[in-house]
Each structure stands twice: as C-alpha cells, then as structure tokens.
Amino acid sequence: MSKFARKGKPPPGYDYLEPVLEALENELRDKVNEPHEGKRKVESLWPVHQINWQRTRYVYDMHYKYKKIDKKVWDYCCRNKIIDENLAKKWRKPGYERLCSTYVINTRNYNFGTVSICRVPPSSLGESSVVECPTTGCRGCASSSDAPRNIFGNKYGQHLAGVQVRREEREAQKESAQKRPREEEEDGDVVGRSTGPGVWADNDVDAYGEEGGGEKRARVE
C-alpha cells in the first residue's frame, strides 16, 4: 500500500487518484536514489520540488478545475500530506496561480529581500535572459501570458489531471463511436487511470489538448 494511504481509510473517490499518486511516489523514490554525479547539489533536488508541485497540481486540478473528486478526498490528501497544502492555498490567490514553490516567494531566502527570478514576468527581463530558479529548476511561474506554459520544461511540468481527463474523454468518444463495451470497466478499472510512466503525456496534444505546443505561453486559470 502507498505510504500516502497510511492514516485512516481513504474516502470513496480516492481510488480515482491513487494510480497516478503511486506512480509519482515511485518516480520520486527513483530520482532520490539515483546517482547524482555530475550534477550540482541544488540540481539534484529539483525532482523533489518538481514532483511535489506536480502531485499537488494533479489533486488540485481534479478538485477545483475538473470536479472529479469531492472535498472529503481533498481534505484527506491535505490531512495526510499527500499534497503541499500551503502551495495549493497560494494558487487560490491572484498572482500566484502558477507558483512553483512557496520557497521562491519567501524573501528571507534571498538577498536584499527579493524573490526568485522565476517569479519575474518574462516581459520584465531582457530577451536574452535565461530564467532558471537554482532551487526548483523553474523556468518561470509568474502569472503572466508570456510565461512558459510548462514551468519546468520537462514531464514534471505537465498538468496530469488534464492529461488523464482528456484521455478519458477520447476513450469514451472512441467507445461510443464503435458501440462496444468498455474493456476497462469489465476489469473493474477506470478509464485513463494509467500507472507507471504512462501517467505522463508523450506528445503535445496529449499534454495540452488540441492546441498542442509545449512551448506556448501560459494561460492563467
């Protein structure tokens, strides 16, 4: 059993999230245990910050954006520290909708009482400026239309809730068109609940919908 289900029985609906959460837990474990030779000390910690963001964003979007889980499941995830509740609370505030980590806005962590460069809108930086937070690896999480859509520039910056929901919708449309029963339901599974590496999108359409374009700019939601 996942360590995330260790405090009390999960409420109904948690099983919808569990395969993806377990995949992220396994991914984090692999990244922590892999050799760090050739990497900067801070760079070796990037996956920790990035997977924390992705896990929190996944549950957050499933609750607030897609309405796939109820408040009981949300509270369970917060209570068991499955997600970063403080980060999720920040996302509810204007200007912080895409924040990569609460660390980057804590002025005590930076000289002269500033924040991380990833919080600066690209339009306020020179065209040749390279944005990369030393702590999280974030390439820009300001709530501006010119910020990169994928804040980490890798699979950990994908919004997995959207990936899962779009897969479910495409599968439902396909099955409806073919008028055949869902093999997944016969097995007692839920469509789109991928395990392992399959939880990440392998192309832009899967990651962002028909718009595609992983390098397109962000939309604040």
Protein backbone atom coordinates (compact mmCIF):
# COMPACT_ATOMS: atom_id res chain seq x y z
CA MET A 1 0.00 0.00 0.00
CA SER A 2 1.15 3.51 -0.79
CA LYS A 3 2.55 5.46 2.09
CA PHE A 4 0.01 8.14 1.18
CA ALA A 5 -2.85 5.94 2.45
CA ARG A 6 -1.41 5.41 5.89
CA LYS A 7 -3.68 7.50 8.14
CA GLY A 8 -7.19 6.16 8.18
CA LYS A 9 -9.25 4.62 5.44
CA PRO A 10 -9.33 6.69 2.24
CA PRO A 11 -12.76 8.13 1.41
CA PRO A 12 -14.70 6.98 -1.67
CA GLY A 13 -13.20 8.54 -4.78
CA TYR A 14 -9.60 8.41 -3.63
CA ASP A 15 -9.04 5.31 -5.75
CA TYR A 16 -9.52 7.52 -8.82
CA LEU A 17 -6.31 9.36 -7.90
CA GLU A 18 -4.30 6.53 -6.43
CA PRO A 19 -2.62 5.08 -9.56
CA VAL A 20 -1.16 8.45 -10.55
CA LEU A 21 -0.14 9.28 -6.99
CA GLU A 22 1.61 5.94 -6.67
CA ALA A 23 3.39 6.49 -9.97
CA LEU A 24 4.65 9.85 -8.74
CA GLU A 25 5.73 8.34 -5.44
CA ASN A 26 7.73 5.69 -7.29
CA GLU A 27 9.22 8.29 -9.58
CA LEU A 28 10.32 10.40 -6.64
CA ARG A 29 11.89 7.41 -4.94
CA ASP A 30 13.83 6.55 -8.09
CA LYS A 31 15.07 10.11 -8.51
CA VAL A 32 16.19 10.39 -4.90
CA ASN A 33 18.08 7.10 -5.11
CA GLU A 34 19.76 7.62 -8.47
CA PRO A 35 23.44 8.71 -8.63
CA HIS A 36 23.99 12.45 -8.54
CA GLU A 37 27.45 12.53 -10.05
CA GLY A 38 27.89 15.37 -12.50
CA LYS A 39 25.01 17.36 -11.06
CA ARG A 40 25.12 20.49 -8.99
CA LYS A 41 23.97 19.95 -5.40
CA VAL A 42 20.87 22.08 -5.90
CA GLU A 43 20.09 20.43 -9.22
CA SER A 44 19.90 17.01 -7.60
CA LEU A 45 16.99 18.32 -5.51
CA TRP A 46 14.99 19.65 -8.44
CA PRO A 47 12.92 16.47 -8.86
CA VAL A 48 11.83 16.72 -5.23
CA HIS A 49 10.42 20.22 -5.75
CA GLN A 50 9.04 19.45 -9.18
CA ILE A 51 7.27 16.22 -8.30
CA ASN A 52 5.85 17.90 -5.18
CA TRP A 53 4.43 20.58 -7.48
CA GLN A 54 3.08 18.07 -9.99
CA ARG A 55 1.45 15.88 -7.35
CA THR A 56 -0.19 18.89 -5.72
CA ARG A 57 -1.30 20.35 -9.05
CA TYR A 58 -2.80 17.00 -10.06
CA VAL A 59 -5.02 16.74 -6.99
CA TYR A 60 -5.77 20.49 -7.05
CA ASP A 61 -6.97 20.40 -10.66
CA MET A 62 -9.00 17.25 -10.10
CA HIS A 63 -10.84 19.02 -7.28
CA TYR A 64 -11.12 22.65 -8.34
CA LYS A 65 -10.96 22.51 -12.13
CA TYR A 66 -12.42 19.19 -13.22
CA LYS A 67 -14.63 18.44 -10.17
CA LYS A 68 -13.58 14.78 -10.26
CA ILE A 69 -13.08 14.48 -6.51
CA ASP A 70 -15.06 15.90 -3.63
CA LYS A 71 -13.98 17.84 -0.57
CA LYS A 72 -13.62 14.68 1.51
CA VAL A 73 -10.96 13.36 -0.84
CA TRP A 74 -9.30 16.78 -0.96
CA ASP A 75 -9.23 17.06 2.83
CA TYR A 76 -7.86 13.53 3.11
CA CYS A 77 -4.99 14.43 0.78
CA CYS A 78 -4.24 17.56 2.79
CA ARG A 79 -4.50 15.84 6.15
CA ASN A 80 -2.16 13.04 5.11
CA LYS A 81 0.27 15.49 3.49
CA ILE A 82 -0.12 13.79 0.15
CA ILE A 83 -0.07 17.26 -1.34
CA ASP A 84 1.53 20.55 -0.37
CA GLU A 85 -1.46 22.32 1.16
CA ASN A 86 0.37 25.61 1.65
CA LEU A 87 1.32 25.71 -2.02
CA ALA A 88 -2.24 24.88 -3.05
CA LYS A 89 -3.57 27.72 -0.88
CA LYS A 90 -1.27 30.15 -2.67
CA TRP A 91 -2.68 29.09 -6.04
CA ARG A 92 -6.06 30.39 -4.93
CA LYS A 93 -4.65 33.92 -4.64
CA PRO A 94 -4.34 36.31 -7.61
CA GLY A 95 -0.80 36.44 -8.92
CA TYR A 96 0.19 33.07 -7.52
CA GLU A 97 -1.84 30.73 -9.74
CA ARG A 98 1.27 29.11 -11.24
CA LEU A 99 3.67 29.31 -8.29
CA CYS A 100 6.29 26.55 -8.37
CA SER A 101 7.09 26.51 -4.64
CA THR A 102 6.46 28.57 -1.53
CA TYR A 103 10.24 28.72 -1.12
CA VAL A 104 10.69 31.07 -4.06
CA ILE A 105 8.46 33.79 -2.59
CA ASN A 106 9.96 33.75 0.89
CA THR A 107 12.09 36.89 0.94
CA ARG A 108 14.16 35.51 3.81
CA ASN A 109 15.64 33.01 1.36
CA TYR A 110 17.13 35.71 -0.87
CA ASN A 111 19.49 38.63 -0.61
CA PHE A 112 18.04 42.13 -0.36
CA GLY A 113 14.56 40.83 0.48
CA THR A 114 13.77 39.78 -3.08
CA VAL A 115 12.24 36.63 -4.57
CA SER A 116 13.41 34.08 -7.12
CA ILE A 117 13.97 35.14 -10.72
CA CYS A 118 11.31 32.65 -11.81
CA ARG A 119 8.69 34.98 -10.31
CA VAL A 120 9.63 37.82 -12.65
CA PRO A 121 7.44 38.10 -15.79
CA PRO A 122 9.50 37.50 -18.96
CA SER A 123 8.48 40.90 -20.29
CA SER A 124 10.37 42.50 -17.40
CA LEU A 125 13.57 40.67 -18.32
CA GLY A 126 15.86 41.08 -21.29
CA GLU A 127 15.22 38.94 -24.36
CA SER A 128 18.50 37.10 -23.82
CA SER A 129 17.80 36.39 -20.15
CA VAL A 130 17.87 32.74 -19.12
CA VAL A 131 15.36 32.02 -16.36
CA GLU A 132 16.11 29.06 -14.14
CA CYS A 133 15.49 29.02 -10.42
CA PRO A 134 18.55 27.47 -8.74
CA THR A 135 16.37 25.86 -6.08
CA THR A 136 13.49 24.36 -8.09
CA GLY A 137 14.63 24.49 -11.71
CA CYS A 138 11.56 26.58 -12.56
CA ARG A 139 11.73 28.46 -15.86
CA GLY A 140 9.08 30.96 -14.95
CA CYS A 141 5.95 30.75 -12.81
CA ALA A 142 4.73 34.34 -12.92
CA SER A 143 1.02 34.76 -13.62
CA SER A 144 1.57 36.44 -16.96
CA SER A 145 0.58 35.48 -20.50
CA ASP A 146 4.19 35.50 -21.67
CA ALA A 147 5.38 32.95 -19.09
CA PRO A 148 6.17 29.42 -20.32
CA ARG A 149 3.26 27.02 -20.13
CA ASN A 150 5.44 24.20 -18.79
CA ILE A 151 7.21 25.83 -15.86
CA PHE A 152 9.91 23.17 -15.60
CA GLY A 153 10.33 22.38 -19.28
CA ASN A 154 10.07 18.64 -18.64
CA LYS A 155 7.47 15.98 -17.86
CA TYR A 156 7.17 17.18 -14.27
CA GLY A 157 5.69 20.44 -15.53
CA GLN A 158 2.77 18.69 -17.21
CA HIS A 159 -0.69 19.05 -15.71
CA LEU A 160 -1.50 15.40 -15.18
CA ALA A 161 -5.16 15.95 -14.34
CA GLY A 162 -5.69 17.41 -17.78
CA VAL A 163 -3.76 14.57 -19.36
CA GLN A 164 -5.92 12.00 -17.58
CA VAL A 165 -9.24 13.71 -18.25
CA ARG A 166 -8.50 14.16 -21.95
CA ARG A 167 -7.54 10.50 -22.24
CA GLU A 168 -10.79 9.50 -20.60
CA GLU A 169 -12.79 11.73 -22.94
CA ARG A 170 -11.06 10.40 -26.04
CA GLU A 171 -11.57 6.82 -24.91
CA ALA A 172 -15.25 7.47 -24.19
CA GLN A 173 -15.74 9.04 -27.62
CA LYS A 174 -13.96 6.16 -29.29
CA GLU A 175 -16.04 3.57 -27.50
CA SER A 176 -19.25 5.44 -28.20
CA ALA A 177 -18.44 5.61 -31.90
CA GLN A 178 -17.61 1.93 -32.05
CA LYS A 179 -20.56 0.99 -29.82
CA ARG A 180 -18.61 -1.51 -27.85
CA PRO A 181 -18.45 -2.11 -24.09
CA ARG A 182 -15.51 -0.77 -22.18
CA GLU A 183 -12.99 -3.48 -21.54
CA GLU A 184 -11.62 -1.39 -18.69
CA GLU A 185 -14.93 -1.43 -16.85
CA GLU A 186 -15.19 -5.19 -17.21
CA ASP A 187 -11.86 -5.41 -15.43
CA GLY A 188 -13.11 -3.07 -12.71
CA ASP A 189 -10.70 -0.34 -13.80
CA VAL A 190 -11.30 3.32 -14.51
CA VAL A 191 -10.53 4.66 -17.97
CA GLY A 192 -7.46 6.86 -18.01
CA ARG A 193 -6.05 5.68 -14.68
CA SER A 194 -2.61 4.93 -16.02
CA THR A 195 0.18 3.52 -13.91
CA GLY A 196 3.93 3.85 -14.24
CA PRO A 197 5.48 6.18 -16.81
CA GLY A 198 2.19 6.23 -18.73
CA VAL A 199 0.79 8.92 -16.46
CA TRP A 200 2.82 11.49 -18.41
CA ALA A 201 1.92 12.69 -21.87
CA ASP A 202 4.24 11.68 -24.69
CA ASN A 203 3.10 14.39 -27.11
CA ASP A 204 1.77 17.94 -27.01
CA VAL A 205 -1.80 17.03 -27.92
CA ASP A 206 -1.93 14.60 -25.02
CA ALA A 207 -0.36 17.17 -22.70
CA TYR A 208 -2.25 20.29 -23.72
CA GLY A 209 -5.23 19.22 -25.81
CA GLU A 210 -5.77 20.03 -29.47
CA GLU A 211 -3.85 23.29 -29.09
CA GLY A 212 -0.62 21.35 -28.58
CA GLY A 213 2.58 23.35 -28.40
CA GLY A 214 4.51 22.63 -25.23
CA GLU A 215 6.46 25.84 -25.64
CA LYS A 216 3.38 28.01 -25.95
CA ARG A 217 2.81 30.62 -23.32
CA ALA A 218 0.74 30.12 -20.26
CA ARG A 219 -2.88 30.87 -19.62
CA VAL A 220 -3.72 31.77 -16.06
CA GLU A 221 -6.68 29.71 -14.89
